[in-house]
Each structure stands twice: as structure tokens, then as C-alpha cells.
């Protein structure tokens, strides 16, 4: 009987470190789509298709799908997505349920709410003027998600217009 107890003790000692390595594992995938009108019966309806051919003026929808395939909740998960060069962010288009959405105007170094995105400009007379950034100046979108439970998935996204 003593041998049996020691075997259980050894197995428990071996399995405890495995339980200690439980962790979240969040992965993301992104799609770029545009809306087109397609004929459905006698009507024309909007449909999203891959944005493989785009021209100036097109609106592109960027969708980021995420999943936590780990065995523990991810807390304060951050998803950053650069706004592609040659495009302009469409104001109010960023979406993300249960996410705080912030933006960057400095290449992703700092992030703030749109009303707090400011920069300074030196005028010809030497005075400094503080300006609020416009959506055309946004370089990145960030979603901060407070909790992504193990096994959970979700979607965030935004729209841009091709210059």
C-alpha cells in the first residue's frame, strides 16, 4: 500500500507543473472586403466580396477575427491594426463589442480617444498652436478587450476609403 501512495504522490508532483502552465492563447485573422451590388432576382443587393481589385473612392471593410484557444482567460488583450497607406479611416466606423477603441497618429507609439489625439504646430509668428487630429491623420486602430474567456471568439473592425 505504501508503494501505491508514493506512486500517486509522484504522479501529482508531475502533473502540478502542467497545470501551472495554463495560459491564454489569442490568435487573430484579418479580412479585407468591399461592398458590391449584385442582382438577386429582380433586386440589387449589397454583398461583401474580397477587396482584391480596388480603385480610389472604394470603401474597404477590415474585419479582425480573434479566438482564445488557450485554457485560461486573456485579460486586457490588445489588438492593434495599422491603417493601410493610401487609405483614410472613415470616422465612427471602428467596431468591437466589449472593447475600448483608441487611435494613434504617431505610427502606433501612443493611443488615445479621438478627442484627445492632439499635436502642436509652430506658427510663422513663433506661437504654438494645439490641434486635434483628424481621421485622415490616424495611423493605427487599437482595441483593448478586458477579458476574452478561454474558448471565446469575437470580431472587431473598421472601414477606410481608398485615396
Protein backbone atom coordinates (compact mmCIF):
# COMPACT_ATOMS: atom_id res chain seq x y z
CA UNK A 1 0.00 0.00 0.00
CA UNK A 2 2.83 2.37 0.74
CA UNK A 3 4.11 1.92 -2.82
CA UNK A 4 0.66 2.89 -4.20
CA UNK A 5 0.58 6.14 -2.17
CA UNK A 6 4.05 7.11 -3.32
CA UNK A 7 3.08 6.48 -6.96
CA UNK A 8 0.08 8.81 -6.56
CA UNK A 9 2.31 11.39 -4.90
CA UNK A 10 4.80 11.15 -7.77
CA UNK A 11 2.03 11.47 -10.39
CA UNK A 12 0.57 14.51 -8.60
CA UNK A 13 4.01 16.11 -8.43
CA UNK A 14 4.45 15.56 -12.17
CA UNK A 15 1.00 16.87 -13.13
CA UNK A 16 1.03 20.02 -10.97
CA UNK A 17 3.62 21.81 -13.11
CA UNK A 18 1.47 21.08 -16.19
CA UNK A 19 -1.48 22.82 -14.55
CA UNK A 20 0.75 25.76 -13.71
CA UNK A 21 1.46 26.42 -17.41
CA UNK A 22 -2.19 27.09 -18.22
CA UNK A 23 -2.35 30.29 -20.25
CA UNK A 24 -4.38 32.20 -22.80
CA UNK A 25 -3.53 31.83 -26.49
CA UNK A 26 -5.17 34.54 -28.60
CA UNK A 27 -4.79 34.42 -32.36
CA UNK A 28 -6.19 36.78 -34.99
CA UNK A 29 -7.02 36.71 -38.69
CA UNK A 30 -7.95 39.65 -40.87
CA UNK A 31 -10.05 40.03 -43.99
CA UNK A 32 -10.38 42.98 -46.36
CA UNK A 33 -13.67 43.26 -48.22
CA UNK A 34 -15.59 45.76 -50.28
CA UNK A 35 -19.30 46.06 -50.98
CA UNK A 36 -20.65 45.44 -54.45
CA UNK A 37 -24.18 45.44 -55.82
CA UNK A 38 -25.33 42.08 -57.12
CA UNK A 39 -28.58 41.16 -58.74
CA UNK A 40 -30.74 38.85 -56.66
CA UNK A 41 -33.95 38.14 -58.52
CA UNK A 42 -35.39 41.49 -59.55
CA UNK A 43 -33.46 43.43 -56.89
CA UNK A 44 -29.93 44.65 -56.45
CA UNK A 45 -28.49 43.89 -53.02
CA UNK A 46 -25.18 44.77 -51.36
CA UNK A 47 -22.74 41.93 -50.88
CA UNK A 48 -19.24 41.90 -49.43
CA UNK A 49 -16.51 40.38 -51.57
CA UNK A 50 -12.72 40.15 -51.11
CA UNK A 51 -11.09 43.52 -51.85
CA UNK A 52 -8.71 42.21 -54.49
CA UNK A 53 -9.32 44.98 -57.02
CA UNK A 54 -9.80 48.44 -55.56
CA UNK A 55 -9.84 51.91 -57.03
CA UNK A 56 -9.77 55.39 -55.49
CA UNK A 57 -13.01 56.10 -53.67
CA UNK A 58 -13.73 52.44 -52.80
CA UNK A 59 -14.59 51.68 -49.18
CA UNK A 60 -12.78 48.69 -47.70
CA UNK A 61 -14.03 46.86 -44.61
CA UNK A 62 -11.27 45.38 -42.44
CA UNK A 63 -12.50 42.64 -40.12
CA UNK A 64 -10.27 41.14 -37.44
CA UNK A 65 -11.47 37.82 -36.04
CA UNK A 66 -9.92 36.67 -32.77
CA UNK A 67 -10.11 33.50 -30.72
CA UNK A 68 -8.65 32.49 -27.38
CA UNK A 69 -7.71 28.85 -27.91
CA UNK A 70 -5.83 28.73 -24.61
CA UNK A 71 -7.12 27.23 -21.40
CA UNK A 72 -7.25 30.46 -19.42
CA UNK A 73 -8.95 33.83 -19.96
CA UNK A 74 -6.93 36.55 -21.66
CA UNK A 75 -7.14 39.83 -19.76
CA UNK A 76 -6.55 43.28 -21.21
CA UNK A 77 -5.96 41.77 -24.65
CA UNK A 78 -4.77 44.33 -27.20
CA UNK A 79 -5.35 44.14 -30.94
CA UNK A 80 -3.52 46.80 -32.99
CA UNK A 81 -4.16 47.25 -36.67
CA UNK A 82 -2.38 49.79 -38.86
CA UNK A 83 -4.48 51.85 -41.23
CA UNK A 84 -3.07 50.95 -44.65
CA UNK A 85 -1.12 53.60 -46.52
CA UNK A 86 -3.09 55.14 -49.34
CA UNK A 87 -6.31 54.97 -47.31
CA UNK A 88 -8.22 57.22 -44.92
CA UNK A 89 -10.03 55.99 -41.82
CA UNK A 90 -13.80 56.56 -42.00
CA UNK A 91 -14.87 58.33 -38.77
CA UNK A 92 -17.06 56.29 -36.46
CA UNK A 93 -16.53 53.04 -38.36
CA UNK A 94 -14.43 51.17 -35.78
CA UNK A 95 -16.47 48.45 -34.09
CA UNK A 96 -15.76 45.99 -31.34
CA UNK A 97 -18.18 44.71 -28.76
CA UNK A 98 -16.72 44.79 -25.24
CA UNK A 99 -13.64 46.66 -26.49
CA UNK A 100 -12.23 50.08 -25.76
CA UNK A 101 -11.30 51.63 -29.12
CA UNK A 102 -8.41 54.09 -29.37
CA UNK A 103 -6.34 55.52 -32.21
CA UNK A 104 -2.77 56.55 -32.93
CA UNK A 105 -1.39 59.41 -35.01
CA UNK A 106 2.28 58.61 -34.39
CA UNK A 107 2.74 55.26 -36.09
CA UNK A 108 1.40 53.20 -33.19
CA UNK A 109 3.59 54.59 -30.40
CA UNK A 110 0.71 56.11 -28.39
CA UNK A 111 -3.06 55.59 -28.45
CA UNK A 112 -5.91 57.83 -27.30
CA UNK A 113 -9.60 58.52 -27.85
CA UNK A 114 -10.17 60.74 -30.94
CA UNK A 115 -10.94 63.89 -28.92
CA UNK A 116 -7.60 63.50 -27.09
CA UNK A 117 -5.46 62.97 -30.20
CA UNK A 118 -3.68 66.30 -30.35
CA UNK A 119 -0.42 67.65 -31.67
CA UNK A 120 1.34 71.00 -31.70
CA UNK A 121 2.17 73.19 -34.69
CA UNK A 122 4.58 76.09 -34.64
CA UNK A 123 3.06 79.09 -36.42
CA UNK A 124 5.03 81.58 -38.53
CA UNK A 125 4.97 84.08 -35.66
CA UNK A 126 6.61 81.51 -33.37
CA UNK A 127 3.48 80.77 -31.34
CA UNK A 128 2.48 77.17 -30.69
CA UNK A 129 -0.99 76.01 -31.69
CA UNK A 130 -2.52 72.82 -30.33
CA UNK A 131 -4.65 70.93 -32.88
CA UNK A 132 -6.92 67.90 -32.66
CA UNK A 133 -6.03 65.23 -35.22
CA UNK A 134 -8.48 64.49 -37.99
CA UNK A 135 -9.30 60.92 -39.08
CA UNK A 136 -7.08 61.42 -42.13
CA UNK A 137 -4.12 61.58 -39.72
CA UNK A 138 -4.88 58.30 -37.89
CA UNK A 139 -2.20 55.66 -38.40
CA UNK A 140 -3.49 52.78 -36.24
CA UNK A 141 -6.61 51.46 -34.53
CA UNK A 142 -6.37 49.65 -31.18
CA UNK A 143 -8.95 47.54 -29.41
CA UNK A 144 -8.40 46.72 -25.74
CA UNK A 145 -10.63 43.86 -24.64
CA UNK A 146 -10.87 43.48 -20.87
CA UNK A 147 -11.47 39.70 -20.93
CA UNK A 148 -11.53 37.02 -23.59
CA UNK A 149 -12.59 33.80 -21.86
CA UNK A 150 -10.91 30.51 -22.81
CA UNK A 151 -12.55 29.22 -25.99
CA UNK A 152 -14.22 32.56 -26.76
CA UNK A 153 -14.04 34.34 -30.09
CA UNK A 154 -15.08 37.71 -31.41
CA UNK A 155 -14.76 40.29 -34.14
CA UNK A 156 -13.55 43.88 -34.38
CA UNK A 157 -13.16 46.04 -37.45
CA UNK A 158 -13.10 49.39 -39.24
CA UNK A 159 -13.58 50.96 -42.66
CA UNK A 160 -11.27 53.03 -44.85
CA UNK A 161 -11.67 54.91 -48.10
CA UNK A 162 -9.06 54.42 -50.82
CA UNK A 163 -7.32 57.74 -51.68
